[in-house]
Amino acid sequence: MVVLAGLLAFGTSAWALEEQREKELTNLVRQDCGSCHGMTLKGGLGRSLARERISQFDDDTLVAIILGGVPGTPMPPWRGLITDEEVRWIVGRLKTGFPE
């Protein structure tokens, strides 16, 4: 939750992702997404976010899932907390293998 508070305080804009923002988003994925998808992102309460599985989906589908959540499941919507551009950056990182 501290990560989320930091993200909200930092705000978002249309700028290209800077190194500091990339670090914040990496922490968001590791901590917040990892709390359900496993700290190594290989599955837990939520499904695996491993490159092999994520690569089966097109980017627009993944962006829609992240921004809109999945009704009837624990997957929350992230719209309003992170931008479309930031979600696309996360999707790109997941598809290339998220950093350790």
PDB file of N, CA and C in Angstrom:
ATOM      1  N   MET A   1       0.802  -1.189   0.000  1.00  0.00           N
ATOM      2  CA  MET A   1       0.000   0.000   0.000  1.00  0.00           C
ATOM      3  C   MET A   1       0.849   1.259   0.000  1.00  0.00           C
ATOM      4  N   VAL A   2       2.027   1.170   0.616  1.00  0.00           N
ATOM      5  CA  VAL A   2       2.930   2.320   0.611  1.00  0.00           C
ATOM      6  C   VAL A   2       3.308   2.662  -0.821  1.00  0.00           C
ATOM      7  N   VAL A   3       3.524   1.629  -1.638  1.00  0.00           N
ATOM      8  CA  VAL A   3       3.870   1.858  -3.038  1.00  0.00           C
ATOM      9  C   VAL A   3       2.740   2.595  -3.735  1.00  0.00           C
ATOM     10  N   LEU A   4       1.503   2.176  -3.494  1.00  0.00           N
ATOM     11  CA  LEU A   4       0.360   2.843  -4.113  1.00  0.00           C
ATOM     12  C   LEU A   4       0.273   4.299  -3.688  1.00  0.00           C
ATOM     13  N   ALA A   5       0.489   4.564  -2.411  1.00  0.00           N
ATOM     14  CA  ALA A   5       0.448   5.946  -1.935  1.00  0.00           C
ATOM     15  C   ALA A   5       1.521   6.770  -2.625  1.00  0.00           C
ATOM     16  N   GLY A   6       2.696   6.184  -2.798  1.00  0.00           N
ATOM     17  CA  GLY A   6       3.775   6.882  -3.488  1.00  0.00           C
ATOM     18  C   GLY A   6       3.432   7.148  -4.940  1.00  0.00           C
ATOM     19  N   LEU A   7       2.782   6.203  -5.575  1.00  0.00           N
ATOM     20  CA  LEU A   7       2.391   6.389  -6.969  1.00  0.00           C
ATOM     21  C   LEU A   7       1.361   7.497  -7.100  1.00  0.00           C
ATOM     22  N   LEU A   8       0.415   7.524  -6.191  1.00  0.00           N
ATOM     23  CA  LEU A   8      -0.608   8.558  -6.246  1.00  0.00           C
ATOM     24  C   LEU A   8      -0.018   9.932  -5.968  1.00  0.00           C
ATOM     25  N   ALA A   9       0.903  10.005  -5.019  1.00  0.00           N
ATOM     26  CA  ALA A   9       1.531  11.285  -4.692  1.00  0.00           C
ATOM     27  C   ALA A   9       2.402  11.770  -5.837  1.00  0.00           C
ATOM     28  N   PHE A  10       3.042  10.836  -6.533  1.00  0.00           N
ATOM     29  CA  PHE A  10       3.932  11.196  -7.632  1.00  0.00           C
ATOM     30  C   PHE A  10       3.133  11.732  -8.806  1.00  0.00           C
ATOM     31  N   GLY A  11       1.946  11.172  -9.000  1.00  0.00           N
ATOM     32  CA  GLY A  11       1.097  11.608 -10.111  1.00  0.00           C
ATOM     33  C   GLY A  11       1.535  10.986 -11.419  1.00  0.00           C
ATOM     34  N   THR A  12       0.741  11.219 -12.437  1.00  0.00           N
ATOM     35  CA  THR A  12       1.064  10.698 -13.756  1.00  0.00           C
ATOM     36  C   THR A  12       0.846  11.790 -14.776  1.00  0.00           C
ATOM     37  N   SER A  13       1.548  11.674 -15.887  1.00  0.00           N
ATOM     38  CA  SER A  13       1.382  12.626 -16.979  1.00  0.00           C
ATOM     39  C   SER A  13       1.731  11.932 -18.276  1.00  0.00           C
ATOM     40  N   ALA A  14       1.721  12.693 -19.352  1.00  0.00           N
ATOM     41  CA  ALA A  14       1.937  12.109 -20.675  1.00  0.00           C
ATOM     42  C   ALA A  14       3.412  11.984 -21.033  1.00  0.00           C
ATOM     43  N   TRP A  15       4.325  12.236 -20.110  1.00  0.00           N
ATOM     44  CA  TRP A  15       5.750  12.167 -20.414  1.00  0.00           C
ATOM     45  C   TRP A  15       6.204  10.735 -20.645  1.00  0.00           C
ATOM     46  N   ALA A  16       7.305  10.598 -21.351  1.00  0.00           N
ATOM     47  CA  ALA A  16       7.894   9.272 -21.526  1.00  0.00           C
ATOM     48  C   ALA A  16       8.379   8.797 -20.162  1.00  0.00           C
ATOM     49  N   LEU A  17       8.382   7.493 -19.965  1.00  0.00           N
ATOM     50  CA  LEU A  17       8.781   6.965 -18.671  1.00  0.00           C
ATOM     51  C   LEU A  17      10.245   7.279 -18.396  1.00  0.00           C
ATOM     52  N   GLU A  18      10.482   7.812 -17.234  1.00  0.00           N
ATOM     53  CA  GLU A  18      11.834   8.115 -16.799  1.00  0.00           C
ATOM     54  C   GLU A  18      12.319   6.983 -15.908  1.00  0.00           C
ATOM     55  N   GLU A  19      13.615   6.934 -15.697  1.00  0.00           N
ATOM     56  CA  GLU A  19      14.215   5.854 -14.921  1.00  0.00           C
ATOM     57  C   GLU A  19      13.574   5.714 -13.536  1.00  0.00           C
ATOM     58  N   GLN A  20      13.347   6.824 -12.848  1.00  0.00           N
ATOM     59  CA  GLN A  20      12.744   6.769 -11.512  1.00  0.00           C
ATOM     60  C   GLN A  20      11.343   6.174 -11.568  1.00  0.00           C
ATOM     61  N   ARG A  21      10.556   6.555 -12.571  1.00  0.00           N
ATOM     62  CA  ARG A  21       9.198   6.024 -12.698  1.00  0.00           C
ATOM     63  C   ARG A  21       9.238   4.534 -13.019  1.00  0.00           C
ATOM     64  N   GLU A  22      10.192   4.122 -13.855  1.00  0.00           N
ATOM     65  CA  GLU A  22      10.338   2.700 -14.151  1.00  0.00           C
ATOM     66  C   GLU A  22      10.626   1.917 -12.873  1.00  0.00           C
ATOM     67  N   LYS A  23      11.455   2.470 -12.006  1.00  0.00           N
ATOM     68  CA  LYS A  23      11.752   1.812 -10.725  1.00  0.00           C
ATOM     69  C   LYS A  23      10.492   1.713  -9.872  1.00  0.00           C
ATOM     70  N   GLU A  24       9.705   2.781  -9.842  1.00  0.00           N
ATOM     71  CA  GLU A  24       8.464   2.771  -9.070  1.00  0.00           C
ATOM     72  C   GLU A  24       7.485   1.735  -9.613  1.00  0.00           C
ATOM     73  N   LEU A  25       7.378   1.648 -10.922  1.00  0.00           N
ATOM     74  CA  LEU A  25       6.468   0.669 -11.525  1.00  0.00           C
ATOM     75  C   LEU A  25       6.969  -0.750 -11.309  1.00  0.00           C
ATOM     76  N   THR A  26       8.278  -0.940 -11.354  1.00  0.00           N
ATOM     77  CA  THR A  26       8.850  -2.258 -11.068  1.00  0.00           C
ATOM     78  C   THR A  26       8.492  -2.665  -9.644  1.00  0.00           C
ATOM     79  N   ASN A  27       8.625  -1.743  -8.697  1.00  0.00           N
ATOM     80  CA  ASN A  27       8.248  -2.029  -7.310  1.00  0.00           C
ATOM     81  C   ASN A  27       6.757  -2.318  -7.196  1.00  0.00           C
ATOM     82  N   LEU A  28       5.940  -1.579  -7.922  1.00  0.00           N
ATOM     83  CA  LEU A  28       4.498  -1.808  -7.912  1.00  0.00           C
ATOM     84  C   LEU A  28       4.190  -3.235  -8.356  1.00  0.00           C
ATOM     85  N   VAL A  29       4.796  -3.659  -9.458  1.00  0.00           N
ATOM     86  CA  VAL A  29       4.537  -5.012  -9.968  1.00  0.00           C
ATOM     87  C   VAL A  29       5.025  -6.050  -8.968  1.00  0.00           C
ATOM     88  N   ARG A  30       6.234  -5.880  -8.461  1.00  0.00           N
ATOM     89  CA  ARG A  30       6.788  -6.851  -7.516  1.00  0.00           C
ATOM     90  C   ARG A  30       5.965  -6.928  -6.230  1.00  0.00           C
ATOM     91  N   GLN A  31       5.583  -5.789  -5.677  1.00  0.00           N
ATOM     92  CA  GLN A  31       4.896  -5.775  -4.388  1.00  0.00           C
ATOM     93  C   GLN A  31       3.383  -5.966  -4.524  1.00  0.00           C
ATOM     94  N   ASP A  32       2.737  -5.110  -5.295  1.00  0.00           N
ATOM     95  CA  ASP A  32       1.275  -5.146  -5.362  1.00  0.00           C
ATOM     96  C   ASP A  32       0.773  -6.296  -6.233  1.00  0.00           C
ATOM     97  N   CYS A  33       1.298  -6.416  -7.435  1.00  0.00           N
ATOM     98  CA  CYS A  33       0.877  -7.529  -8.303  1.00  0.00           C
ATOM     99  C   CYS A  33       1.376  -8.850  -7.717  1.00  0.00           C
ATOM    100  N   GLY A  34       2.620  -8.820  -7.197  1.00  0.00           N
ATOM    101  CA  GLY A  34       3.215 -10.020  -6.620  1.00  0.00           C
ATOM    102  C   GLY A  34       2.466 -10.554  -5.414  1.00  0.00           C
ATOM    103  N   SER A  35       1.711  -9.698  -4.727  1.00  0.00           N
ATOM    104  CA  SER A  35       0.970 -10.174  -3.558  1.00  0.00           C
ATOM    105  C   SER A  35      -0.088 -11.208  -3.950  1.00  0.00           C
ATOM    106  N   CYS A  36      -0.571 -11.167  -5.173  1.00  0.00           N
ATOM    107  CA  CYS A  36      -1.520 -12.185  -5.653  1.00  0.00           C
ATOM    108  C   CYS A  36      -0.889 -13.138  -6.668  1.00  0.00           C
ATOM    109  N   HIS A  37      -0.044 -12.602  -7.536  1.00  0.00           N
ATOM    110  CA  HIS A  37       0.525 -13.406  -8.620  1.00  0.00           C
ATOM    111  C   HIS A  37       1.828 -14.083  -8.220  1.00  0.00           C
ATOM    112  N   GLY A  38       2.196 -13.986  -6.953  1.00  0.00           N
ATOM    113  CA  GLY A  38       3.418 -14.605  -6.451  1.00  0.00           C
ATOM    114  C   GLY A  38       4.588 -13.639  -6.541  1.00  0.00           C
ATOM    115  N   MET A  39       5.440 -13.664  -5.549  1.00  0.00           N
ATOM    116  CA  MET A  39       6.554 -12.724  -5.499  1.00  0.00           C
ATOM    117  C   MET A  39       7.515 -12.904  -6.671  1.00  0.00           C
ATOM    118  N   THR A  40       7.521 -14.078  -7.284  1.00  0.00           N
ATOM    119  CA  THR A  40       8.329 -14.288  -8.489  1.00  0.00           C
ATOM    120  C   THR A  40       7.467 -14.194  -9.746  1.00  0.00           C
ATOM    121  N   LEU A  41       6.195 -13.823  -9.561  1.00  0.00           N
ATOM    122  CA  LEU A  41       5.216 -13.644 -10.641  1.00  0.00           C
ATOM    123  C   LEU A  41       4.894 -14.938 -11.382  1.00  0.00           C
ATOM    124  N   LYS A  42       5.162 -16.074 -10.741  1.00  0.00           N
ATOM    125  CA  LYS A  42       4.910 -17.363 -11.377  1.00  0.00           C
ATOM    126  C   LYS A  42       3.611 -17.999 -10.908  1.00  0.00           C
ATOM    127  N   GLY A  43       2.786 -17.210 -10.230  1.00  0.00           N
ATOM    128  CA  GLY A  43       1.478 -17.700  -9.825  1.00  0.00           C
ATOM    129  C   GLY A  43       1.326 -17.769  -8.319  1.00  0.00           C
ATOM    130  N   GLY A  44       0.111 -17.683  -7.890  1.00  0.00           N
ATOM    131  CA  GLY A  44      -0.275 -17.720  -6.481  1.00  0.00           C
ATOM    132  C   GLY A  44      -1.783 -17.720  -6.473  1.00  0.00           C
ATOM    133  N   LEU A  45      -2.390 -16.774  -5.765  1.00  0.00           N
ATOM    134  CA  LEU A  45      -3.839 -16.594  -5.835  1.00  0.00           C
ATOM    135  C   LEU A  45      -4.230 -16.257  -7.273  1.00  0.00           C
ATOM    136  N   GLY A  46      -3.444 -15.384  -7.899  1.00  0.00           N
ATOM    137  CA  GLY A  46      -3.639 -15.034  -9.307  1.00  0.00           C
ATOM    138  C   GLY A  46      -2.759 -15.907 -10.196  1.00  0.00           C
ATOM    139  N   ARG A  47      -3.063 -15.916 -11.454  1.00  0.00           N
ATOM    140  CA  ARG A  47      -2.309 -16.737 -12.409  1.00  0.00           C
ATOM    141  C   ARG A  47      -0.889 -16.233 -12.613  1.00  0.00           C
ATOM    142  N   SER A  48      -0.085 -17.072 -13.208  1.00  0.00           N
ATOM    143  CA  SER A  48       1.301 -16.733 -13.517  1.00  0.00           C
ATOM    144  C   SER A  48       1.372 -15.548 -14.478  1.00  0.00           C
ATOM    145  N   LEU A  49       2.349 -14.670 -14.229  1.00  0.00           N
ATOM    146  CA  LEU A  49       2.632 -13.569 -15.143  1.00  0.00           C
ATOM    147  C   LEU A  49       3.950 -13.814 -15.874  1.00  0.00           C
ATOM    148  N   ALA A  50       4.368 -15.072 -15.904  1.00  0.00           N
ATOM    149  CA  ALA A  50       5.617 -15.432 -16.578  1.00  0.00           C
ATOM    150  C   ALA A  50       5.516 -15.130 -18.073  1.00  0.00           C
ATOM    151  N   ARG A  51       6.643 -14.793 -18.654  1.00  0.00           N
ATOM    152  CA  ARG A  51       6.719 -14.426 -20.073  1.00  0.00           C
ATOM    153  C   ARG A  51       6.030 -15.456 -20.960  1.00  0.00           C
ATOM    154  N   GLU A  52       6.239 -16.734 -20.687  1.00  0.00           N
ATOM    155  CA  GLU A  52       5.672 -17.794 -21.523  1.00  0.00           C
ATOM    156  C   GLU A  52       4.146 -17.732 -21.554  1.00  0.00           C
ATOM    157  N   ARG A  53       3.539 -17.416 -20.434  1.00  0.00           N
ATOM    158  CA  ARG A  53       2.078 -17.348 -20.379  1.00  0.00           C
ATOM    159  C   ARG A  53       1.561 -16.017 -20.915  1.00  0.00           C
ATOM    160  N   ILE A  54       2.178 -14.925 -20.499  1.00  0.00           N
ATOM    161  CA  ILE A  54       1.737 -13.583 -20.894  1.00  0.00           C
ATOM    162  C   ILE A  54       1.836 -13.390 -22.403  1.00  0.00           C
ATOM    163  N   SER A  55       2.829 -13.987 -23.018  1.00  0.00           N
ATOM    164  CA  SER A  55       3.041 -13.826 -24.465  1.00  0.00           C
ATOM    165  C   SER A  55       1.901 -14.402 -25.298  1.00  0.00           C
ATOM    166  N   GLN A  56       1.034 -15.192 -24.690  1.00  0.00           N
ATOM    167  CA  GLN A  56      -0.108 -15.764 -25.402  1.00  0.00           C
ATOM    168  C   GLN A  56      -1.201 -14.725 -25.666  1.00  0.00           C
ATOM    169  N   PHE A  57      -1.135 -13.586 -24.992  1.00  0.00           N
ATOM    170  CA  PHE A  57      -2.169 -12.557 -25.090  1.00  0.00           C
ATOM    171  C   PHE A  57      -1.644 -11.340 -25.831  1.00  0.00           C
ATOM    172  N   ASP A  58      -2.520 -10.678 -26.601  1.00  0.00           N
ATOM    173  CA  ASP A  58      -2.083  -9.445 -27.263  1.00  0.00           C
ATOM    174  C   ASP A  58      -2.046  -8.314 -26.235  1.00  0.00           C
ATOM    175  N   ASP A  59      -1.270  -7.293 -26.542  1.00  0.00           N
ATOM    176  CA  ASP A  59      -1.061  -6.184 -25.611  1.00  0.00           C
ATOM    177  C   ASP A  59      -2.365  -5.512 -25.204  1.00  0.00           C
ATOM    178  N   ASP A  60      -3.260  -5.266 -26.159  1.00  0.00           N
ATOM    179  CA  ASP A  60      -4.513  -4.569 -25.848  1.00  0.00           C
ATOM    180  C   ASP A  60      -5.368  -5.338 -24.842  1.00  0.00           C
ATOM    181  N   THR A  61      -5.378  -6.661 -24.951  1.00  0.00           N
ATOM    182  CA  THR A  61      -6.127  -7.486 -24.002  1.00  0.00           C
ATOM    183  C   THR A  61      -5.545  -7.345 -22.602  1.00  0.00           C
ATOM    184  N   LEU A  62      -4.223  -7.422 -22.501  1.00  0.00           N
ATOM    185  CA  LEU A  62      -3.573  -7.298 -21.198  1.00  0.00           C
ATOM    186  C   LEU A  62      -3.787  -5.916 -20.593  1.00  0.00           C
ATOM    187  N   VAL A  63      -3.703  -4.883 -21.421  1.00  0.00           N
ATOM    188  CA  VAL A  63      -3.937  -3.516 -20.936  1.00  0.00           C
ATOM    189  C   VAL A  63      -5.361  -3.397 -20.401  1.00  0.00           C
ATOM    190  N   ALA A  64      -6.327  -3.943 -21.129  1.00  0.00           N
ATOM    191  CA  ALA A  64      -7.730  -3.883 -20.694  1.00  0.00           C
ATOM    192  C   ALA A  64      -7.932  -4.609 -19.365  1.00  0.00           C
ATOM    193  N   ILE A  65      -7.285  -5.754 -19.200  1.00  0.00           N
ATOM    194  CA  ILE A  65      -7.402  -6.513 -17.951  1.00  0.00           C
ATOM    195  C   ILE A  65      -6.809  -5.718 -16.790  1.00  0.00           C
ATOM    196  N   ILE A  66      -5.628  -5.157 -16.993  1.00  0.00           N
ATOM    197  CA  ILE A  66      -4.970  -4.413 -15.913  1.00  0.00           C
ATOM    198  C   ILE A  66      -5.765  -3.159 -15.556  1.00  0.00           C
ATOM    199  N   LEU A  67      -6.188  -2.416 -16.551  1.00  0.00           N
ATOM    200  CA  LEU A  67      -6.912  -1.173 -16.271  1.00  0.00           C
ATOM    201  C   LEU A  67      -8.318  -1.420 -15.738  1.00  0.00           C
ATOM    202  N   GLY A  68      -8.994  -2.439 -16.264  1.00  0.00           N
ATOM    203  CA  GLY A  68     -10.388  -2.677 -15.900  1.00  0.00           C
ATOM    204  C   GLY A  68     -10.620  -3.736 -14.846  1.00  0.00           C
ATOM    205  N   GLY A  69      -9.588  -4.513 -14.521  1.00  0.00           N
ATOM    206  CA  GLY A  69      -9.768  -5.608 -13.585  1.00  0.00           C
ATOM    207  C   GLY A  69     -10.566  -6.733 -14.216  1.00  0.00           C
ATOM    208  N   VAL A  70     -10.866  -7.743 -13.431  1.00  0.00           N
ATOM    209  CA  VAL A  70     -11.669  -8.874 -13.901  1.00  0.00           C
ATOM    210  C   VAL A  70     -12.825  -9.052 -12.917  1.00  0.00           C
ATOM    211  N   PRO A  71     -14.029  -8.629 -13.312  1.00  0.00           N
ATOM    212  CA  PRO A  71     -15.184  -8.752 -12.416  1.00  0.00           C
ATOM    213  C   PRO A  71     -15.372 -10.192 -11.937  1.00  0.00           C
ATOM    214  N   GLY A  72     -15.730 -10.328 -10.675  1.00  0.00           N
ATOM    215  CA  GLY A  72     -15.972 -11.650 -10.109  1.00  0.00           C
ATOM    216  C   GLY A  72     -14.717 -12.364  -9.655  1.00  0.00           C
ATOM    217  N   THR A  73     -13.571 -11.690  -9.764  1.00  0.00           N
ATOM    218  CA  THR A  73     -12.300 -12.257  -9.312  1.00  0.00           C
ATOM    219  C   THR A  73     -11.616 -11.232  -8.402  1.00  0.00           C
ATOM    220  N   PRO A  74     -10.535 -11.631  -7.746  1.00  0.00           N
ATOM    221  CA  PRO A  74      -9.799 -10.669  -6.918  1.00  0.00           C
ATOM    222  C   PRO A  74      -8.998  -9.633  -7.722  1.00  0.00           C
ATOM    223  N   MET A  75      -8.953  -9.761  -9.063  1.00  0.00           N
ATOM    224  CA  MET A  75      -8.164  -8.827  -9.876  1.00  0.00           C
ATOM    225  C   MET A  75      -8.835  -7.458  -9.906  1.00  0.00           C
ATOM    226  N   PRO A  76      -8.201  -6.456  -9.246  1.00  0.00           N
ATOM    227  CA  PRO A  76      -8.808  -5.121  -9.184  1.00  0.00           C
ATOM    228  C   PRO A  76      -8.500  -4.290 -10.423  1.00  0.00           C
ATOM    229  N   PRO A  77      -9.310  -3.275 -10.676  1.00  0.00           N
ATOM    230  CA  PRO A  77      -8.979  -2.336 -11.757  1.00  0.00           C
ATOM    231  C   PRO A  77      -7.896  -1.361 -11.280  1.00  0.00           C
ATOM    232  N   TRP A  78      -6.941  -1.065 -12.151  1.00  0.00           N
ATOM    233  CA  TRP A  78      -5.861  -0.129 -11.822  1.00  0.00           C
ATOM    234  C   TRP A  78      -6.055   1.222 -12.498  1.00  0.00           C
ATOM    235  N   ARG A  79      -7.142   1.370 -13.277  1.00  0.00           N
ATOM    236  CA  ARG A  79      -7.433   2.655 -13.935  1.00  0.00           C
ATOM    237  C   ARG A  79      -7.513   3.750 -12.878  1.00  0.00           C
ATOM    238  N   GLY A  80      -6.880   4.857 -13.151  1.00  0.00           N
ATOM    239  CA  GLY A  80      -6.858   5.964 -12.208  1.00  0.00           C
ATOM    240  C   GLY A  80      -5.646   5.946 -11.298  1.00  0.00           C
ATOM    241  N   LEU A  81      -4.998   4.793 -11.192  1.00  0.00           N
ATOM    242  CA  LEU A  81      -3.791   4.681 -10.374  1.00  0.00           C
ATOM    243  C   LEU A  81      -2.532   4.692 -11.225  1.00  0.00           C
ATOM    244  N   ILE A  82      -2.646   4.122 -12.426  1.00  0.00           N
ATOM    245  CA  ILE A  82      -1.540   4.143 -13.385  1.00  0.00           C
ATOM    246  C   ILE A  82      -2.120   4.453 -14.762  1.00  0.00           C
ATOM    247  N   THR A  83      -1.299   5.026 -15.615  1.00  0.00           N
ATOM    248  CA  THR A  83      -1.769   5.457 -16.932  1.00  0.00           C
ATOM    249  C   THR A  83      -1.707   4.320 -17.943  1.00  0.00           C
ATOM    250  N   ASP A  84      -2.377   4.528 -19.070  1.00  0.00           N
ATOM    251  CA  ASP A  84      -2.323   3.580 -20.181  1.00  0.00           C
ATOM    252  C   ASP A  84      -0.873   3.373 -20.620  1.00  0.00           C
ATOM    253  N   GLU A  85      -0.123   4.445 -20.721  1.00  0.00           N
ATOM    254  CA  GLU A  85       1.286   4.360 -21.121  1.00  0.00           C
ATOM    255  C   GLU A  85       2.084   3.510 -20.127  1.00  0.00           C
ATOM    256  N   GLU A  86       1.829   3.692 -18.844  1.00  0.00           N
ATOM    257  CA  GLU A  86       2.542   2.919 -17.830  1.00  0.00           C
ATOM    258  C   GLU A  86       2.149   1.449 -17.877  1.00  0.00           C
ATOM    259  N   VAL A  87       0.869   1.179 -18.115  1.00  0.00           N
ATOM    260  CA  VAL A  87       0.424  -0.212 -18.235  1.00  0.00           C
ATOM    261  C   VAL A  87       1.079  -0.862 -19.449  1.00  0.00           C
ATOM    262  N   ARG A  88       1.170  -0.142 -20.549  1.00  0.00           N
ATOM    263  CA  ARG A  88       1.836  -0.690 -21.739  1.00  0.00           C
ATOM    264  C   ARG A  88       3.312  -0.967 -21.460  1.00  0.00           C
ATOM    265  N   TRP A  89       3.958  -0.126 -20.669  1.00  0.00           N
ATOM    266  CA  TRP A  89       5.351  -0.370 -20.284  1.00  0.00           C
ATOM    267  C   TRP A  89       5.433  -1.661 -19.463  1.00  0.00           C
ATOM    268  N   ILE A  90       4.511  -1.831 -18.498  1.00  0.00           N
ATOM    269  CA  ILE A  90       4.491  -3.042 -17.673  1.00  0.00           C
ATOM    270  C   ILE A  90       4.273  -4.275 -18.542  1.00  0.00           C
ATOM    271  N   VAL A  91       3.311  -4.207 -19.460  1.00  0.00           N
ATOM    272  CA  VAL A  91       3.036  -5.340 -20.356  1.00  0.00           C
ATOM    273  C   VAL A  91       4.284  -5.683 -21.165  1.00  0.00           C
ATOM    274  N   GLY A  92       4.946  -4.674 -21.697  1.00  0.00           N
ATOM    275  CA  GLY A  92       6.173  -4.912 -22.454  1.00  0.00           C
ATOM    276  C   GLY A  92       7.236  -5.592 -21.618  1.00  0.00           C
ATOM    277  N   ARG A  93       7.367  -5.161 -20.374  1.00  0.00           N
ATOM    278  CA  ARG A  93       8.353  -5.773 -19.475  1.00  0.00           C
ATOM    279  C   ARG A  93       7.971  -7.211 -19.159  1.00  0.00           C
ATOM    280  N   LEU A  94       6.692  -7.472 -18.911  1.00  0.00           N
ATOM    281  CA  LEU A  94       6.256  -8.838 -18.630  1.00  0.00           C
ATOM    282  C   LEU A  94       6.530  -9.752 -19.819  1.00  0.00           C
ATOM    283  N   LYS A  95       6.331  -9.243 -21.024  1.00  0.00           N
ATOM    284  CA  LYS A  95       6.531 -10.061 -22.224  1.00  0.00           C
ATOM    285  C   LYS A  95       8.004 -10.321 -22.529  1.00  0.00           C
ATOM    286  N   THR A  96       8.892  -9.510 -21.980  1.00  0.00           N
ATOM    287  CA  THR A  96      10.327  -9.741 -22.208  1.00  0.00           C
ATOM    288  C   THR A  96      10.988 -10.392 -21.003  1.00  0.00           C
ATOM    289  N   GLY A  97      10.228 -10.615 -19.954  1.00  0.00           N
ATOM    290  CA  GLY A  97      10.779 -11.193 -18.730  1.00  0.00           C
ATOM    291  C   GLY A  97      11.019 -10.088 -17.721  1.00  0.00           C
ATOM    292  N   PHE A  98      10.207 -10.056 -16.692  1.00  0.00           N
ATOM    293  CA  PHE A  98      10.277  -8.952 -15.739  1.00  0.00           C
ATOM    294  C   PHE A  98      11.595  -8.992 -14.987  1.00  0.00           C
ATOM    295  N   PRO A  99      12.172  -7.825 -14.689  1.00  0.00           N
ATOM    296  CA  PRO A  99      13.478  -7.787 -14.005  1.00  0.00           C
ATOM    297  C   PRO A  99      13.417  -8.389 -12.609  1.00  0.00           C
ATOM    298  N   GLU A 100      14.508  -8.983 -12.214  1.00  0.00           N
ATOM    299  CA  GLU A 100      14.617  -9.575 -10.868  1.00  0.00           C
ATOM    300  C   GLU A 100      14.736  -8.506  -9.825  1.00  0.00           C
TER     301      GLU A 100
END
